[in-house]
Amino acid sequence: MTVRIFVEGGSQGSVKAGCRQAFRTFFEKVIPSRSFSITASGSRSEAFKDFSLALEQNTQDYNILLVDSEEAVTLGPWAHLAARGGDQWKKPVGATDDQSQLMVQVMESWFLADREVLAGFYGQGFTGGSLPGQLNVELISKRDVLDGLSNASRNTKTKGEYHKTRHGFDLLGLIDPALVRAASVHAERLVTVLQRETA
């Protein structure tokens, strides 16, 4: 059995490849490299479509949907995605609760768990004090996460202001999953499921 992870991200060929490789690098730190595959689906709606199709066609594999929550989470993942105005997705027939996973509130929230990597990546001119101070990254709004990254990196000499496709996937491959798990209960939930299904 292979664990197949369908992630939102990567709008075109080269960006999709970068997205796929970044998530692979991140997850290889916590589960065996040959036990899973990553599909960078592009938009979140495409990720949901790809996941739903895989549930029907790849029944021998364990399929997981991984998308940003986009906002605070007060419900279970499927209930959150069903209630959220931009999604309103019904839980597919046959899907379990553990097959719906969320990055809360966005992928970039995970970066705030590893500020040492952020500082090293951006180098001279990076102002870590511009980042939100909340240690539980799930409590930081999407806007505050992105504004904090932009403000902290704006005056850096080599990289410049944070850019999702130029910087985001490189950072995802560098951050420490252990720190992310400690700062995000949904990241801990995701890794626990992955480790269980690839054991």
C-alpha atoms as a PDB file:
ATOM      1  CA  MET A   1       0.000   0.000   0.000  1.00  0.00           C
ATOM      2  CA  THR A   2       1.108   3.529  -0.809  1.00  0.00           C
ATOM      3  CA  VAL A   3      -0.032   6.642   1.026  1.00  0.00           C
ATOM      4  CA  ARG A   4      -1.069   9.159  -1.619  1.00  0.00           C
ATOM      5  CA  ILE A   5      -1.166  12.778  -0.452  1.00  0.00           C
ATOM      6  CA  PHE A   6      -3.085  15.289  -2.577  1.00  0.00           C
ATOM      7  CA  VAL A   7      -1.966  18.825  -1.719  1.00  0.00           C
ATOM      8  CA  GLU A   8      -3.115  22.221  -2.884  1.00  0.00           C
ATOM      9  CA  GLY A   9      -0.283  24.133  -4.523  1.00  0.00           C
ATOM     10  CA  GLY A  10       1.560  24.479  -7.782  1.00  0.00           C
ATOM     11  CA  SER A  11      -0.338  26.232 -10.542  1.00  0.00           C
ATOM     12  CA  GLN A  12       1.797  25.027 -13.469  1.00  0.00           C
ATOM     13  CA  GLY A  13       4.502  22.525 -14.411  1.00  0.00           C
ATOM     14  CA  SER A  14       7.666  23.874 -12.809  1.00  0.00           C
ATOM     15  CA  VAL A  15       5.808  25.239  -9.780  1.00  0.00           C
ATOM     16  CA  LYS A  16       3.997  21.931  -9.322  1.00  0.00           C
ATOM     17  CA  ALA A  17       7.351  20.132  -9.390  1.00  0.00           C
ATOM     18  CA  GLY A  18       8.718  22.480  -6.730  1.00  0.00           C
ATOM     19  CA  CYS A  19       5.625  22.034  -4.587  1.00  0.00           C
ATOM     20  CA  ARG A  20       5.743  18.252  -4.899  1.00  0.00           C
ATOM     21  CA  GLN A  21       9.452  18.091  -4.043  1.00  0.00           C
ATOM     22  CA  ALA A  22       9.076  20.429  -1.053  1.00  0.00           C
ATOM     23  CA  PHE A  23       6.345  18.342   0.556  1.00  0.00           C
ATOM     24  CA  ARG A  24       8.311  15.171  -0.205  1.00  0.00           C
ATOM     25  CA  THR A  25      11.407  16.606   1.499  1.00  0.00           C
ATOM     26  CA  PHE A  26       9.362  17.669   4.523  1.00  0.00           C
ATOM     27  CA  PHE A  27       7.588  14.322   4.935  1.00  0.00           C
ATOM     28  CA  GLU A  28      10.730  12.242   4.320  1.00  0.00           C
ATOM     29  CA  LYS A  29      11.955  13.541   7.670  1.00  0.00           C
ATOM     30  CA  VAL A  30       9.155  11.679   9.467  1.00  0.00           C
ATOM     31  CA  ILE A  31       8.134   8.692   7.276  1.00  0.00           C
ATOM     32  CA  PRO A  32       9.942   6.275   4.899  1.00  0.00           C
ATOM     33  CA  SER A  33      10.572   7.845   1.497  1.00  0.00           C
ATOM     34  CA  ARG A  34       9.219   4.908  -0.520  1.00  0.00           C
ATOM     35  CA  SER A  35       5.959   4.675   1.389  1.00  0.00           C
ATOM     36  CA  PHE A  36       4.170   7.715  -0.014  1.00  0.00           C
ATOM     37  CA  SER A  37       3.557   9.835  -3.091  1.00  0.00           C
ATOM     38  CA  ILE A  38       2.738  13.518  -3.444  1.00  0.00           C
ATOM     39  CA  THR A  39       0.340  14.994  -5.995  1.00  0.00           C
ATOM     40  CA  ALA A  40       0.480  18.789  -6.334  1.00  0.00           C
ATOM     41  CA  SER A  41      -3.003  19.438  -7.640  1.00  0.00           C
ATOM     42  CA  GLY A  42      -2.914  23.201  -8.128  1.00  0.00           C
ATOM     43  CA  SER A  43      -6.006  24.846  -6.662  1.00  0.00           C
ATOM     44  CA  ARG A  44      -7.678  23.554  -3.500  1.00  0.00           C
ATOM     45  CA  SER A  45     -10.757  22.568  -5.499  1.00  0.00           C
ATOM     46  CA  GLU A  46      -8.570  20.529  -7.856  1.00  0.00           C
ATOM     47  CA  ALA A  47      -6.953  18.836  -4.865  1.00  0.00           C
ATOM     48  CA  PHE A  48     -10.403  17.849  -3.606  1.00  0.00           C
ATOM     49  CA  LYS A  49     -11.367  16.541  -7.060  1.00  0.00           C
ATOM     50  CA  ASP A  50      -8.132  14.542  -7.379  1.00  0.00           C
ATOM     51  CA  PHE A  51      -8.575  13.095  -3.901  1.00  0.00           C
ATOM     52  CA  SER A  52     -12.210  12.153  -4.535  1.00  0.00           C
ATOM     53  CA  LEU A  53     -11.291  10.431  -7.797  1.00  0.00           C
ATOM     54  CA  ALA A  54      -8.452   8.550  -6.109  1.00  0.00           C
ATOM     55  CA  LEU A  55     -10.871   7.240  -3.483  1.00  0.00           C
ATOM     56  CA  GLU A  56     -12.810   5.579  -6.308  1.00  0.00           C
ATOM     57  CA  GLN A  57      -9.918   4.446  -8.496  1.00  0.00           C
ATOM     58  CA  ASN A  58      -7.068   3.670  -6.076  1.00  0.00           C
ATOM     59  CA  THR A  59      -8.856   1.703  -3.414  1.00  0.00           C
ATOM     60  CA  GLN A  60      -5.710  -0.273  -2.563  1.00  0.00           C
ATOM     61  CA  ASP A  61      -3.935   2.916  -1.446  1.00  0.00           C
ATOM     62  CA  TYR A  62      -4.504   5.239   1.499  1.00  0.00           C
ATOM     63  CA  ASN A  63      -5.489   8.625   0.068  1.00  0.00           C
ATOM     64  CA  ILE A  64      -5.147  11.886   2.015  1.00  0.00           C
ATOM     65  CA  LEU A  65      -6.389  15.386   1.184  1.00  0.00           C
ATOM     66  CA  LEU A  66      -4.114  18.168   2.514  1.00  0.00           C
ATOM     67  CA  VAL A  67      -5.259  21.778   2.115  1.00  0.00           C
ATOM     68  CA  ASP A  68      -5.026  25.073   3.968  1.00  0.00           C
ATOM     69  CA  SER A  69      -7.842  25.718   6.425  1.00  0.00           C
ATOM     70  CA  GLU A  70      -7.714  29.413   5.348  1.00  0.00           C
ATOM     71  CA  GLU A  71      -9.154  30.443   8.728  1.00  0.00           C
ATOM     72  CA  ALA A  72      -9.398  29.323  12.347  1.00  0.00           C
ATOM     73  CA  VAL A  73     -10.629  25.759  12.854  1.00  0.00           C
ATOM     74  CA  THR A  74     -13.304  25.022  15.446  1.00  0.00           C
ATOM     75  CA  LEU A  75     -14.776  21.896  13.845  1.00  0.00           C
ATOM     76  CA  GLY A  76     -13.417  18.597  12.616  1.00  0.00           C
ATOM     77  CA  PRO A  77     -11.645  18.838   9.224  1.00  0.00           C
ATOM     78  CA  TRP A  78     -14.510  17.519   7.077  1.00  0.00           C
ATOM     79  CA  ALA A  79     -17.021  19.648   8.964  1.00  0.00           C
ATOM     80  CA  HIS A  80     -14.753  22.685   8.552  1.00  0.00           C
ATOM     81  CA  LEU A  81     -14.494  22.134   4.795  1.00  0.00           C
ATOM     82  CA  ALA A  82     -18.254  21.577   4.513  1.00  0.00           C
ATOM     83  CA  ALA A  83     -19.062  24.757   6.447  1.00  0.00           C
ATOM     84  CA  ARG A  84     -16.452  27.052   4.901  1.00  0.00           C
ATOM     85  CA  GLY A  85     -18.050  29.377   2.360  1.00  0.00           C
ATOM     86  CA  GLY A  86     -15.353  28.976  -0.285  1.00  0.00           C
ATOM     87  CA  ASP A  87     -15.484  25.179  -0.175  1.00  0.00           C
ATOM     88  CA  GLN A  88     -18.730  23.611   1.062  1.00  0.00           C
ATOM     89  CA  TRP A  89     -17.341  20.178   0.244  1.00  0.00           C
ATOM     90  CA  LYS A  90     -19.298  17.123   1.230  1.00  0.00           C
ATOM     91  CA  LYS A  91     -17.291  14.299   2.732  1.00  0.00           C
ATOM     92  CA  PRO A  92     -16.884  11.749  -0.087  1.00  0.00           C
ATOM     93  CA  VAL A  93     -18.447   8.330   0.326  1.00  0.00           C
ATOM     94  CA  GLY A  94     -15.912   6.004   1.881  1.00  0.00           C
ATOM     95  CA  ALA A  95     -13.628   8.738   3.215  1.00  0.00           C
ATOM     96  CA  THR A  96     -12.594   8.589   6.864  1.00  0.00           C
ATOM     97  CA  ASP A  97     -11.994  11.522   9.184  1.00  0.00           C
ATOM     98  CA  ASP A  98      -8.226  10.923   9.096  1.00  0.00           C
ATOM     99  CA  GLN A  99      -8.143  11.278   5.313  1.00  0.00           C
ATOM    100  CA  SER A 100      -8.931  14.996   5.606  1.00  0.00           C
ATOM    101  CA  GLN A 101      -5.944  17.004   6.856  1.00  0.00           C
ATOM    102  CA  LEU A 102      -5.521  20.753   7.279  1.00  0.00           C
ATOM    103  CA  MET A 103      -2.612  23.179   7.355  1.00  0.00           C
ATOM    104  CA  VAL A 104      -3.883  25.681   9.913  1.00  0.00           C
ATOM    105  CA  GLN A 105      -4.313  28.321   8.910  1.00  0.00           C
ATOM    106  CA  VAL A 106      -2.025  28.229   5.845  1.00  0.00           C
ATOM    107  CA  MET A 107       1.149  26.391   4.820  1.00  0.00           C
ATOM    108  CA  GLU A 108       3.150  29.465   5.792  1.00  0.00           C
ATOM    109  CA  SER A 109       1.930  29.095   9.377  1.00  0.00           C
ATOM    110  CA  TRP A 110       4.303  26.150   9.666  1.00  0.00           C
ATOM    111  CA  PHE A 111       7.273  28.408   8.866  1.00  0.00           C
ATOM    112  CA  LEU A 112       6.642  30.445  12.005  1.00  0.00           C
ATOM    113  CA  ALA A 113       7.369  27.344  14.075  1.00  0.00           C
ATOM    114  CA  ASP A 114      10.996  27.337  12.883  1.00  0.00           C
ATOM    115  CA  ARG A 115      12.189  30.927  13.104  1.00  0.00           C
ATOM    116  CA  GLU A 116      15.833  29.895  13.077  1.00  0.00           C
ATOM    117  CA  VAL A 117      15.409  28.505   9.568  1.00  0.00           C
ATOM    118  CA  LEU A 118      13.609  31.683   8.483  1.00  0.00           C
ATOM    119  CA  ALA A 119      16.430  33.856   9.799  1.00  0.00           C
ATOM    120  CA  GLY A 120      19.089  31.693   8.159  1.00  0.00           C
ATOM    121  CA  PHE A 121      17.261  31.539   4.842  1.00  0.00           C
ATOM    122  CA  TYR A 122      16.801  35.311   4.539  1.00  0.00           C
ATOM    123  CA  GLY A 123      20.042  36.371   6.197  1.00  0.00           C
ATOM    124  CA  GLN A 124      21.077  39.996   6.543  1.00  0.00           C
ATOM    125  CA  GLY A 125      18.209  42.402   7.001  1.00  0.00           C
ATOM    126  CA  PHE A 126      15.715  39.837   8.300  1.00  0.00           C
ATOM    127  CA  THR A 127      13.751  41.229  11.242  1.00  0.00           C
ATOM    128  CA  GLY A 128      12.357  38.362  13.277  1.00  0.00           C
ATOM    129  CA  GLY A 129      10.678  40.820  15.610  1.00  0.00           C
ATOM    130  CA  SER A 130       8.203  41.606  12.829  1.00  0.00           C
ATOM    131  CA  LEU A 131       6.764  38.091  13.035  1.00  0.00           C
ATOM    132  CA  PRO A 132       3.678  37.418  15.174  1.00  0.00           C
ATOM    133  CA  GLY A 133       4.670  36.439  18.699  1.00  0.00           C
ATOM    134  CA  GLN A 134       2.013  33.750  19.251  1.00  0.00           C
ATOM    135  CA  LEU A 135       3.692  30.351  19.722  1.00  0.00           C
ATOM    136  CA  ASN A 136       0.575  28.378  18.744  1.00  0.00           C
ATOM    137  CA  VAL A 137       0.729  29.094  15.015  1.00  0.00           C
ATOM    138  CA  GLU A 138      -2.869  27.950  14.485  1.00  0.00           C
ATOM    139  CA  LEU A 139      -4.115  31.001  16.395  1.00  0.00           C
ATOM    140  CA  ILE A 140      -2.441  33.440  13.970  1.00  0.00           C
ATOM    141  CA  SER A 141      -4.731  34.606  11.173  1.00  0.00           C
ATOM    142  CA  LYS A 142      -3.753  33.978   7.563  1.00  0.00           C
ATOM    143  CA  ARG A 143      -3.387  37.724   7.003  1.00  0.00           C
ATOM    144  CA  ASP A 144      -1.109  38.147  10.021  1.00  0.00           C
ATOM    145  CA  VAL A 145       1.046  35.180   8.979  1.00  0.00           C
ATOM    146  CA  LEU A 146       1.593  36.526   5.469  1.00  0.00           C
ATOM    147  CA  ASP A 147       1.991  40.153   6.584  1.00  0.00           C
ATOM    148  CA  GLY A 148       4.513  39.057   9.210  1.00  0.00           C
ATOM    149  CA  LEU A 149       6.604  37.140   6.673  1.00  0.00           C
ATOM    150  CA  SER A 150       6.498  40.069   4.240  1.00  0.00           C
ATOM    151  CA  ASN A 151       7.466  42.624   6.880  1.00  0.00           C
ATOM    152  CA  ALA A 152      10.261  40.491   8.340  1.00  0.00           C
ATOM    153  CA  SER A 153      11.837  39.752   4.945  1.00  0.00           C
ATOM    154  CA  ARG A 154      11.223  43.030   3.104  1.00  0.00           C
ATOM    155  CA  ASN A 155      14.671  44.513   3.754  1.00  0.00           C
ATOM    156  CA  THR A 156      16.742  41.372   3.288  1.00  0.00           C
ATOM    157  CA  LYS A 157      19.707  41.756   0.953  1.00  0.00           C
ATOM    158  CA  THR A 158      19.652  38.604  -1.145  1.00  0.00           C
ATOM    159  CA  LYS A 159      16.159  37.116  -1.062  1.00  0.00           C
ATOM    160  CA  GLY A 160      13.932  40.174  -0.707  1.00  0.00           C
ATOM    161  CA  GLU A 161      10.301  40.102   0.392  1.00  0.00           C
ATOM    162  CA  TYR A 162       8.622  36.744   0.951  1.00  0.00           C
ATOM    163  CA  HIS A 163       7.160  35.251  -2.232  1.00  0.00           C
ATOM    164  CA  LYS A 164       5.170  32.014  -2.144  1.00  0.00           C
ATOM    165  CA  THR A 165       6.565  30.313  -5.240  1.00  0.00           C
ATOM    166  CA  ARG A 166      10.104  31.733  -5.040  1.00  0.00           C
ATOM    167  CA  HIS A 167      10.585  31.133  -1.313  1.00  0.00           C
ATOM    168  CA  GLY A 168       7.718  29.074   0.100  1.00  0.00           C
ATOM    169  CA  PHE A 169       8.650  25.658  -1.201  1.00  0.00           C
ATOM    170  CA  ASP A 170      12.346  26.113  -0.369  1.00  0.00           C
ATOM    171  CA  LEU A 171      11.375  26.980   3.193  1.00  0.00           C
ATOM    172  CA  LEU A 172       9.008  24.026   3.473  1.00  0.00           C
ATOM    173  CA  GLY A 173      11.881  21.711   2.626  1.00  0.00           C
ATOM    174  CA  LEU A 174      14.105  23.277   5.286  1.00  0.00           C
ATOM    175  CA  ILE A 175      11.869  23.554   8.358  1.00  0.00           C
ATOM    176  CA  ASP A 176      11.956  21.012  11.184  1.00  0.00           C
ATOM    177  CA  PRO A 177       8.778  18.885  11.374  1.00  0.00           C
ATOM    178  CA  ALA A 178       9.279  18.378  15.111  1.00  0.00           C
ATOM    179  CA  LEU A 179       8.972  22.123  15.700  1.00  0.00           C
ATOM    180  CA  VAL A 180       5.924  22.314  13.435  1.00  0.00           C
ATOM    181  CA  ARG A 181       4.236  19.469  15.298  1.00  0.00           C
ATOM    182  CA  ALA A 182       4.858  21.198  18.620  1.00  0.00           C
ATOM    183  CA  ALA A 183       3.329  24.454  17.366  1.00  0.00           C
ATOM    184  CA  SER A 184       0.335  23.020  15.471  1.00  0.00           C
ATOM    185  CA  VAL A 185      -2.052  20.346  16.726  1.00  0.00           C
ATOM    186  CA  HIS A 186      -3.246  19.690  13.161  1.00  0.00           C
ATOM    187  CA  ALA A 187       0.325  19.139  11.953  1.00  0.00           C
ATOM    188  CA  GLU A 188       0.781  16.671  14.811  1.00  0.00           C
ATOM    189  CA  ARG A 189      -2.451  14.951  13.748  1.00  0.00           C
ATOM    190  CA  LEU A 190      -1.226  14.725  10.141  1.00  0.00           C
ATOM    191  CA  VAL A 191       2.161  13.228  11.016  1.00  0.00           C
ATOM    192  CA  THR A 192       0.562  10.759  13.446  1.00  0.00           C
ATOM    193  CA  VAL A 193      -1.725   9.480  10.651  1.00  0.00           C
ATOM    194  CA  LEU A 194       1.164   9.276   8.170  1.00  0.00           C
ATOM    195  CA  GLN A 195       3.346   7.352  10.589  1.00  0.00           C
ATOM    196  CA  ARG A 196       0.516   4.958  11.422  1.00  0.00           C
ATOM    197  CA  GLU A 197      -0.311   4.263   7.765  1.00  0.00           C
ATOM    198  CA  THR A 198       3.317   3.788   6.682  1.00  0.00           C
ATOM    199  CA  ALA A 199       4.404   1.659   9.643  1.00  0.00           C
END
